[in-house]
Amino acid sequence: MNIHSHPHRTTGKVLVVDDEPQVLAVAKAILDAHGFEVIVTDSGDVALNLISQPAPPDQRIELVILDLTMPGGLSGFEVLEEMRRMDPALPIIACSGYFQENARDLCQAIGFSDILPKPYTLDHLVATVRGSLVRSHQLA
């Protein structure tokens, strides 16, 4: 798909939250290469701080990819709950290597915009991010 022919912008500022450094590095490299501005952190607390910062519309985080299992700090579900309080319209993609069969429905029921099972491919990552951004812009 040609990004320039799409009626909705499919790039933007993406926050990736994961406790695995290699996952952060790969996601950042892939999304950077596809025109996204990427911020990475291994901390739910840092992620919440980034979301809570006031920013002009063109510098706001437009989408979050959130690991569900992050030992030693806030869980992905706790981070989701707090982010939803701050910005109910922010697309948040649940990322995990442990999804059950009906995970998409369950995750969407509690407030995630989509799921991204690990390990993911380059194409699946980009398609999931773009799809969530397009859907959020259609709802806006």
Protein backbone atom coordinates (compact mmCIF):
# COMPACT_ATOMS: atom_id res chain seq x y z
CA MET A 1 0.00 0.00 0.00
CA ASN A 2 1.37 3.40 -0.94
CA ILE A 3 1.38 5.50 2.22
CA HIS A 4 0.93 8.74 0.23
CA SER A 5 -2.26 7.59 -1.45
CA HIS A 6 -3.99 6.73 1.83
CA PRO A 7 -6.70 9.22 2.86
CA HIS A 8 -5.61 9.11 6.52
CA ARG A 9 -2.19 9.89 7.88
CA THR A 10 -0.54 6.64 8.86
CA THR A 11 2.51 7.97 10.63
CA GLY A 12 2.77 9.71 13.97
CA LYS A 13 4.38 9.57 17.39
CA VAL A 14 4.33 6.06 18.87
CA LEU A 15 5.26 5.05 22.43
CA VAL A 16 6.50 1.47 22.85
CA VAL A 17 6.49 0.13 26.43
CA ASP A 18 8.24 -3.21 26.98
CA ASP A 19 10.63 -4.66 29.58
CA GLU A 20 12.75 -6.43 26.92
CA PRO A 21 15.48 -4.19 25.45
CA GLN A 22 15.66 -6.19 22.21
CA VAL A 23 11.90 -5.82 21.65
CA LEU A 24 12.21 -2.06 22.15
CA ALA A 25 15.17 -1.88 19.75
CA VAL A 26 13.45 -3.91 17.02
CA ALA A 27 10.11 -2.08 17.30
CA LYS A 28 11.87 1.29 17.20
CA ALA A 29 13.98 0.35 14.16
CA ILE A 30 10.98 -1.01 12.23
CA LEU A 31 8.65 1.89 13.02
CA ASP A 32 11.37 4.52 12.46
CA ALA A 33 11.99 3.01 9.01
CA HIS A 34 8.27 3.38 8.23
CA GLY A 35 8.12 7.07 9.09
CA PHE A 36 6.93 6.97 12.68
CA GLU A 37 8.51 8.99 15.47
CA VAL A 38 9.19 6.40 18.18
CA ILE A 39 9.74 6.76 21.92
CA VAL A 40 10.65 3.63 23.89
CA THR A 41 10.63 2.87 27.60
CA ASP A 42 10.82 -0.22 29.79
CA SER A 43 8.76 1.40 32.56
CA GLY A 44 5.02 1.82 32.98
CA ASP A 45 5.66 4.78 35.28
CA VAL A 46 7.75 6.54 32.63
CA ALA A 47 5.08 5.80 30.02
CA LEU A 48 2.37 7.35 32.21
CA ASN A 49 4.56 10.39 32.80
CA LEU A 50 5.05 10.82 29.03
CA ILE A 51 1.30 10.54 28.35
CA SER A 52 0.45 13.01 31.11
CA GLN A 53 2.74 15.75 29.73
CA PRO A 54 0.85 18.53 27.94
CA ALA A 55 1.96 18.79 24.31
CA PRO A 56 0.83 20.62 21.18
CA PRO A 57 -1.39 18.46 18.95
CA ASP A 58 1.40 17.83 16.43
CA GLN A 59 3.72 16.54 19.19
CA ARG A 60 1.30 14.35 21.14
CA ILE A 61 1.79 10.61 21.42
CA GLU A 62 -0.78 9.19 19.01
CA LEU A 63 -0.51 5.49 19.83
CA VAL A 64 0.92 3.21 22.52
CA ILE A 65 2.16 -0.38 22.16
CA LEU A 66 2.01 -1.78 25.67
CA ASP A 67 3.55 -5.02 26.92
CA LEU A 68 1.13 -6.73 29.31
CA THR A 69 3.73 -8.45 31.49
CA MET A 70 6.45 -6.21 32.89
CA PRO A 71 7.99 -7.63 36.07
CA GLY A 72 8.94 -5.33 38.92
CA GLY A 73 6.64 -2.42 38.19
CA LEU A 74 3.16 -1.60 37.02
CA SER A 75 1.49 -4.27 34.89
CA GLY A 76 0.29 -3.46 31.41
CA PHE A 77 -3.28 -3.61 32.71
CA GLU A 78 -2.54 -1.03 35.42
CA VAL A 79 -0.85 1.23 32.87
CA LEU A 80 -3.84 0.82 30.51
CA GLU A 81 -6.29 1.79 33.24
CA GLU A 82 -4.34 4.96 34.08
CA MET A 83 -3.81 5.91 30.41
CA ARG A 84 -7.54 5.48 29.74
CA ARG A 85 -8.23 7.92 32.59
CA MET A 86 -5.84 10.46 31.05
CA ASP A 87 -6.88 10.03 27.39
CA PRO A 88 -9.88 7.78 26.67
CA ALA A 89 -9.38 8.09 22.88
CA LEU A 90 -5.68 7.14 22.77
CA PRO A 91 -5.19 3.91 20.77
CA ILE A 92 -3.35 1.38 22.94
CA ILE A 93 -2.21 -1.94 21.46
CA ALA A 94 -1.72 -4.86 23.86
CA CYS A 95 1.51 -6.73 23.18
CA SER A 96 2.30 -10.13 24.65
CA GLY A 97 3.67 -13.55 23.92
CA TYR A 98 0.92 -15.17 25.98
CA PHE A 99 -2.42 -14.43 24.30
CA GLN A 100 -5.25 -16.94 24.62
CA GLU A 101 -7.54 -17.76 21.70
CA ASN A 102 -10.15 -15.08 22.49
CA ALA A 103 -7.59 -12.45 23.55
CA ARG A 104 -8.57 -9.85 20.93
CA ASP A 105 -12.17 -9.65 22.15
CA LEU A 106 -11.16 -9.64 25.81
CA CYS A 107 -8.50 -6.97 25.31
CA GLN A 108 -10.84 -4.77 23.28
CA ALA A 109 -13.52 -5.18 25.96
CA ILE A 110 -11.20 -3.72 28.61
CA GLY A 111 -10.02 -0.82 26.48
CA PHE A 112 -7.22 -1.91 24.14
CA SER A 113 -7.61 -0.93 20.48
CA ASP A 114 -5.91 -4.10 19.18
CA ILE A 115 -3.48 -6.88 20.08
CA LEU A 116 -0.01 -7.65 18.79
CA PRO A 117 1.13 -11.20 19.63
CA LYS A 118 4.90 -11.73 20.11
CA PRO A 119 6.94 -12.62 18.27
CA TYR A 120 5.59 -10.38 15.52
CA THR A 121 6.80 -9.79 12.00
CA LEU A 122 7.79 -6.43 10.56
CA ASP A 123 4.65 -6.41 8.39
CA HIS A 124 2.32 -7.36 11.25
CA LEU A 125 3.75 -4.63 13.51
CA VAL A 126 3.38 -1.90 10.88
CA ALA A 127 -0.08 -3.07 9.75
CA THR A 128 -1.37 -3.21 13.35
CA VAL A 129 -0.05 0.27 14.18
CA ARG A 130 -1.37 1.80 10.95
CA GLY A 131 -4.75 0.09 11.35
CA SER A 132 -5.17 1.39 14.90
CA LEU A 133 -4.19 4.92 13.85
CA VAL A 134 -6.61 4.89 10.89
CA ARG A 135 -9.46 3.63 13.11
CA SER A 136 -8.73 6.28 15.75
CA HIS A 137 -8.72 9.06 13.15
CA GLN A 138 -12.03 7.81 11.74
CA LEU A 139 -13.58 7.97 15.22
CA ALA A 140 -12.18 11.43 15.96
